[in-house]
Amino acid sequence: MTDNTALFYLDKERKDLEEEASAITSELTASVDGKDPMGISTPLVDKDGYPRADVDVYRARYLRKRLHEIRFDHDVIMKKIEEQILKNSRSHGEEEMQERRKQKPKPKFDPKTGKWVVRNWDGTVSGITNGHLYSFDEIGVKDNVYNESKGAKVDSENGPLHDDKYAVLGGQNSIMEECRADQDKQEQEQHLPFAKVGVVMSGSPAQEAGLKNDDLIIKFGTVDYSNNRNLQALPDIVRNAHSDGHYIVVVVSRVIPNEMHQSTKLIQLKLRPKEWSRKGLIGCTFEPVA
């Protein structure tokens, strides 16, 4: 059974227990024909010490006992789920390290962008804008593709093919100009914020690291403007750092008020996710930046 499958069945067991507990609670607290409900903890005897005549005492005792068992089992399941989540995070981290240690394949020439690209550890593409959305293995699947927009014949292994039929000087210059434009665009995107810090809780790891409300996040570990997946990548970074006992390098853009005007400053912080007095591992919220 895989780690994800184990987590699936644990979560299913949790939901089943919660549904059963909800049904029992509804029965114990329901009023039938205007009579008082059996109750979850109310006495099952009257003021004279006799079993209540208005309820099924045996049924009430059985439901209360079962509810107590469910609460205990639910606590056990929740602990198992937490342990499985941590195990999954460690497993994914080990898989990532194994992939990173593998020898990378040779760079490929991407006919669509006219750029050389390399493979990331997860199979995505590095070297082009939004490369995390593409598969390296699918780059240049068809060799010797004629790129009409560039006026040149290109090959995924060797780049542009300079034969008499396709080697057009204007097309080559166009490729070089677009490559430079893409490089300039990528350099600009490296300093584009993708998230804003909403609320930093008092005494939290985020406050200890120096994060402040309204800080603009430029880089969060390995996550930036191009690969944050609408902020969904942030929890993965936090969980992995916590399970490995590492800190996260965070680069923020912060407005510094001066007497004459306001200035913006790039600040690098070190955030170490950890358990603290409240929920979560960092104690702050993030909002997407359009």
Protein backbone atom coordinates (compact mmCIF):
# COMPACT_ATOMS: atom_id res chain seq x y z
CA MET A 1 0.00 0.00 0.00
CA THR A 2 1.43 3.38 -1.03
CA ASP A 3 1.70 6.30 1.37
CA ASN A 4 -1.10 8.19 -0.42
CA THR A 5 -3.35 5.14 -0.36
CA ALA A 6 -2.78 4.70 3.39
CA LEU A 7 -3.65 8.34 3.94
CA PHE A 8 -6.80 7.93 1.83
CA TYR A 9 -8.09 5.03 3.95
CA LEU A 10 -7.24 6.80 7.20
CA ASP A 11 -9.17 9.84 6.07
CA LYS A 12 -12.10 7.67 4.99
CA GLU A 13 -12.14 6.07 8.45
CA ARG A 14 -12.11 9.53 10.02
CA LYS A 15 -15.10 10.64 7.95
CA ASP A 16 -17.04 7.47 8.80
CA LEU A 17 -16.47 8.03 12.53
CA GLU A 18 -17.54 11.66 12.26
CA GLU A 19 -20.72 10.73 10.37
CA GLU A 20 -21.61 8.10 12.97
CA ALA A 21 -20.91 10.54 15.82
CA SER A 22 -23.10 13.14 14.15
CA ALA A 23 -25.99 10.66 13.80
CA ILE A 24 -25.69 9.56 17.46
CA THR A 25 -25.54 13.15 18.67
CA SER A 26 -28.65 14.02 16.65
CA GLU A 27 -30.57 11.10 18.19
CA LEU A 28 -29.46 11.92 21.73
CA THR A 29 -30.38 15.59 21.41
CA ALA A 30 -33.62 15.17 19.45
CA SER A 31 -36.94 15.84 21.14
CA VAL A 32 -39.62 13.26 20.26
CA ASP A 33 -43.30 14.09 20.71
CA GLY A 34 -42.45 17.09 22.83
CA LYS A 35 -40.54 15.03 25.39
CA ASP A 36 -37.12 15.97 26.71
CA PRO A 37 -34.26 14.48 24.68
CA MET A 38 -32.16 11.64 26.07
CA GLY A 39 -29.23 14.05 26.19
CA ILE A 40 -25.50 13.42 25.95
CA SER A 41 -24.69 13.84 29.63
CA THR A 42 -27.98 14.59 31.39
CA PRO A 43 -29.08 12.17 34.19
CA LEU A 44 -31.06 9.11 33.12
CA VAL A 45 -32.89 8.94 36.47
CA ASP A 46 -35.65 11.18 37.77
CA LYS A 47 -35.55 13.25 40.94
CA ASP A 48 -36.54 10.20 42.99
CA GLY A 49 -33.67 8.14 41.62
CA TYR A 50 -35.76 5.93 39.34
CA PRO A 51 -34.96 5.36 35.64
CA ARG A 52 -36.60 8.02 33.50
CA ALA A 53 -39.88 6.86 32.06
CA ASP A 54 -39.83 9.27 29.13
CA VAL A 55 -36.78 7.77 27.38
CA ASP A 56 -35.35 4.39 26.42
CA VAL A 57 -32.66 4.22 29.10
CA TYR A 58 -30.91 1.19 27.60
CA ARG A 59 -30.79 2.83 24.19
CA ALA A 60 -29.46 6.05 25.71
CA ARG A 61 -26.70 4.19 27.58
CA TYR A 62 -25.66 2.30 24.45
CA LEU A 63 -25.50 5.48 22.35
CA ARG A 64 -23.51 7.36 24.98
CA LYS A 65 -21.07 4.48 25.30
CA ARG A 66 -20.66 4.28 21.53
CA LEU A 67 -20.14 8.05 21.29
CA HIS A 68 -17.39 7.85 23.88
CA GLU A 69 -15.70 5.05 21.89
CA ILE A 70 -15.94 7.09 18.68
CA ARG A 71 -14.30 10.12 20.30
CA PHE A 72 -11.42 7.97 21.49
CA ASP A 73 -11.04 6.27 18.08
CA HIS A 74 -11.22 9.66 16.36
CA ASP A 75 -8.30 10.98 18.44
CA VAL A 76 -6.28 7.89 17.51
CA ILE A 77 -7.09 8.29 13.80
CA MET A 78 -6.16 11.98 13.81
CA LYS A 79 -2.76 11.16 15.30
CA LYS A 80 -2.24 8.47 12.65
CA ILE A 81 -3.20 10.95 9.91
CA GLU A 82 -0.70 13.51 11.22
CA GLU A 83 2.02 10.86 11.32
CA GLN A 84 1.16 9.71 7.79
CA ILE A 85 1.27 13.28 6.46
CA LEU A 86 4.72 13.77 7.96
CA LYS A 87 5.80 10.41 6.55
CA ASN A 88 4.52 11.40 3.09
CA SER A 89 6.39 14.71 3.30
CA ARG A 90 9.63 12.94 4.21
CA SER A 91 9.09 10.37 1.46
CA HIS A 92 8.49 13.08 -1.13
CA GLY A 93 11.59 14.88 0.11
CA GLU A 94 13.68 11.71 -0.29
CA GLU A 95 12.30 11.17 -3.78
CA GLU A 96 13.20 14.75 -4.66
CA MET A 97 16.76 14.30 -3.39
CA GLN A 98 17.14 11.09 -5.38
CA GLU A 99 15.92 12.83 -8.52
CA ARG A 100 18.25 15.76 -7.92
CA ARG A 101 21.24 13.43 -7.56
CA LYS A 102 20.56 11.76 -10.90
CA GLN A 103 22.59 12.87 -13.88
CA LYS A 104 20.65 15.39 -15.91
CA PRO A 105 20.03 14.75 -19.60
CA LYS A 106 21.58 17.01 -22.19
CA PRO A 107 19.91 20.38 -22.80
CA LYS A 108 17.38 20.54 -25.62
CA PHE A 109 16.57 23.25 -28.11
CA ASP A 110 12.93 24.34 -27.87
CA PRO A 111 11.67 25.16 -31.38
CA LYS A 112 8.71 27.15 -30.06
CA THR A 113 10.77 29.70 -28.10
CA GLY A 114 14.11 29.36 -29.85
CA LYS A 115 15.84 28.75 -26.52
CA TRP A 116 17.98 26.02 -25.02
CA VAL A 117 16.28 24.42 -22.02
CA VAL A 118 17.30 21.97 -19.29
CA ARG A 119 15.35 19.45 -17.23
CA ASN A 120 14.37 20.20 -13.63
CA TRP A 121 14.42 17.41 -11.06
CA ASP A 122 10.63 16.99 -11.34
CA GLY A 123 10.60 16.70 -15.13
CA THR A 124 9.57 20.29 -15.80
CA VAL A 125 11.54 22.74 -17.91
CA SER A 126 14.07 25.38 -16.86
CA GLY A 127 15.13 28.16 -19.19
CA ILE A 128 11.78 29.41 -20.49
CA THR A 129 8.93 31.40 -19.02
CA ASN A 130 6.41 29.23 -17.14
CA GLY A 131 8.62 26.20 -17.66
CA HIS A 132 6.96 24.50 -14.68
CA LEU A 133 3.89 24.03 -16.88
CA TYR A 134 5.75 22.00 -19.49
CA SER A 135 7.36 18.56 -19.65
CA PHE A 136 11.02 18.38 -20.67
CA ASP A 137 10.43 15.01 -22.36
CA GLU A 138 7.86 16.60 -24.70
CA ILE A 139 10.20 19.37 -25.84
CA GLY A 140 11.20 18.77 -29.46
CA VAL A 141 9.41 15.41 -29.72
CA LYS A 142 9.40 15.87 -33.48
CA ASP A 143 12.96 16.51 -34.63
CA ASN A 144 13.87 18.78 -37.55
CA VAL A 145 10.81 20.97 -37.11
CA TYR A 146 10.53 23.97 -39.43
CA ASN A 147 9.86 27.08 -37.36
CA GLU A 148 7.99 29.35 -39.76
CA SER A 149 7.89 32.34 -37.43
CA LYS A 150 11.71 32.33 -37.16
CA GLY A 151 12.44 31.38 -40.77
CA ALA A 152 14.74 28.53 -39.74
CA LYS A 153 14.80 24.77 -39.48
CA VAL A 154 15.44 23.60 -35.92
CA ASP A 155 16.45 20.36 -34.22
CA SER A 156 15.81 19.56 -30.55
CA GLU A 157 19.34 18.18 -30.08
CA ASN A 158 21.44 20.52 -32.24
CA GLY A 159 19.38 23.70 -32.43
CA PRO A 160 18.89 25.61 -35.71
CA LEU A 161 20.04 23.74 -38.83
CA HIS A 162 21.94 26.10 -41.11
CA ASP A 163 21.42 24.70 -44.60
CA ASP A 164 20.92 26.71 -47.76
CA LYS A 165 17.19 26.20 -47.75
CA TYR A 166 16.39 27.31 -44.20
CA ALA A 167 19.34 29.32 -42.90
CA VAL A 168 17.87 32.79 -43.20
CA LEU A 169 19.95 35.54 -41.61
CA GLY A 170 16.91 37.56 -40.64
CA GLY A 171 15.38 34.53 -38.96
CA GLN A 172 18.55 33.88 -36.94
CA ASN A 173 18.67 37.50 -35.79
CA SER A 174 15.02 37.25 -34.81
CA ILE A 175 15.78 34.20 -32.67
CA MET A 176 18.65 35.97 -30.91
CA GLU A 177 16.56 39.08 -30.27
CA GLU A 178 13.72 37.03 -28.81
CA CYS A 179 16.17 35.09 -26.61
CA ARG A 180 17.52 38.36 -25.22
CA ALA A 181 13.97 39.63 -24.68
CA ASP A 182 13.03 36.43 -22.85
CA GLN A 183 16.12 36.70 -20.66
CA ASP A 184 15.25 40.31 -19.78
CA LYS A 185 11.69 39.25 -19.00
CA GLN A 186 12.88 36.42 -16.74
CA GLU A 187 15.21 38.78 -14.88
CA GLN A 188 12.29 41.15 -14.31
CA GLU A 189 10.06 38.28 -13.12
CA GLN A 190 12.69 37.31 -10.55
CA HIS A 191 11.76 40.49 -8.67
CA LEU A 192 8.01 40.32 -9.20
CA PRO A 193 5.97 39.70 -6.02
CA PHE A 194 3.49 36.85 -6.12
CA ALA A 195 2.01 37.06 -2.61
CA LYS A 196 1.38 39.55 0.17
CA VAL A 197 1.62 38.83 3.88
CA GLY A 198 -1.84 39.29 5.38
CA VAL A 199 -1.66 38.87 9.14
CA VAL A 200 1.42 38.01 11.19
CA MET A 201 0.36 36.56 14.55
CA SER A 202 2.05 37.67 17.74
CA GLY A 203 4.69 35.26 19.01
CA SER A 204 4.62 33.21 15.80
CA PRO A 205 7.62 31.84 13.88
CA ALA A 206 6.79 34.36 11.14
CA GLN A 207 7.11 37.25 13.59
CA GLU A 208 10.35 35.81 14.95
CA ALA A 209 11.73 35.68 11.40
CA GLY A 210 10.90 39.36 10.89
CA LEU A 211 7.92 39.11 8.53
CA LYS A 212 5.51 42.02 8.73
CA ASN A 213 1.98 42.74 7.55
CA ASP A 214 1.81 43.83 3.88
CA ASP A 215 5.28 42.50 3.03
CA LEU A 216 5.38 41.46 -0.63
CA ILE A 217 6.84 37.98 -1.15
CA ILE A 218 9.41 37.84 -3.97
CA LYS A 219 10.87 34.44 -3.15
CA PHE A 220 9.80 31.76 -0.67
CA GLY A 221 12.42 29.04 -0.66
CA THR A 222 12.44 27.76 -4.25
CA VAL A 223 9.05 29.30 -5.01
CA ASP A 224 8.74 32.55 -6.94
CA TYR A 225 6.45 34.36 -9.37
CA SER A 226 6.80 31.68 -12.04
CA ASN A 227 6.11 28.49 -10.07
CA ASN A 228 3.95 29.29 -7.02
CA ARG A 229 0.88 27.54 -8.50
CA ASN A 230 -1.52 30.17 -7.13
CA LEU A 231 0.18 29.90 -3.70
CA GLN A 232 -0.45 26.13 -3.52
CA ALA A 233 3.32 25.53 -3.52
CA LEU A 234 3.81 27.40 -0.21
CA PRO A 235 2.34 24.72 2.12
CA ASP A 236 4.61 22.11 0.49
CA ILE A 237 7.68 24.23 1.18
CA VAL A 238 6.60 24.78 4.80
CA ARG A 239 5.89 21.09 5.47
CA ASN A 240 9.15 19.92 3.90
CA ALA A 241 11.21 22.47 5.82
CA HIS A 242 9.50 21.51 9.08
CA SER A 243 9.99 17.78 8.59
CA ASP A 244 13.66 18.28 7.64
CA GLY A 245 14.31 20.81 10.42
CA HIS A 246 15.47 23.44 7.92
CA TYR A 247 14.68 27.12 7.56
CA ILE A 248 13.17 28.82 4.50
CA VAL A 249 14.94 31.74 2.86
CA VAL A 250 12.27 34.39 2.22
CA VAL A 251 12.90 37.52 0.12
CA VAL A 252 10.36 40.29 0.66
CA SER A 253 9.81 43.74 -0.75
CA ARG A 254 8.97 46.14 2.07
CA VAL A 255 7.90 49.78 1.98
CA ILE A 256 10.17 51.86 4.22
CA PRO A 257 8.54 55.18 5.22
CA ASN A 258 10.85 58.20 5.24
CA GLU A 259 10.25 61.81 6.20
CA MET A 260 10.26 62.98 2.59
CA HIS A 261 8.98 59.93 0.73
CA GLN A 262 8.50 56.19 0.87
CA SER A 263 11.10 53.79 -0.49
CA THR A 264 11.00 50.07 -1.24
CA LYS A 265 13.66 47.72 0.03
CA LEU A 266 14.40 44.05 -0.67
CA ILE A 267 14.98 42.12 2.56
CA GLN A 268 16.12 38.51 3.00
CA LEU A 269 14.76 36.65 6.03
CA LYS A 270 15.14 33.14 7.44
CA LEU A 271 11.86 31.50 8.47
CA ARG A 272 11.98 28.26 10.44
CA PRO A 273 8.58 26.47 10.51
CA LYS A 274 7.82 24.92 13.90
CA GLU A 275 4.99 24.07 16.23
CA TRP A 276 3.99 26.90 18.53
CA SER A 277 1.11 27.84 20.84
CA ARG A 278 -1.43 28.17 18.01
CA LYS A 279 -2.38 26.28 14.85
CA GLY A 280 -0.03 26.07 11.90
CA LEU A 281 3.73 26.05 11.59
CA ILE A 282 4.51 29.68 10.70
CA GLY A 283 1.64 31.79 12.06
CA CYS A 284 0.85 34.10 9.17
CA THR A 285 -1.47 34.31 6.19
CA PHE A 286 -0.72 34.98 2.53
CA GLU A 287 -2.79 36.66 -0.15
CA PRO A 288 -2.18 36.38 -3.91
CA VAL A 289 -0.87 39.41 -5.76
CA ALA A 290 -2.46 40.01 -9.12
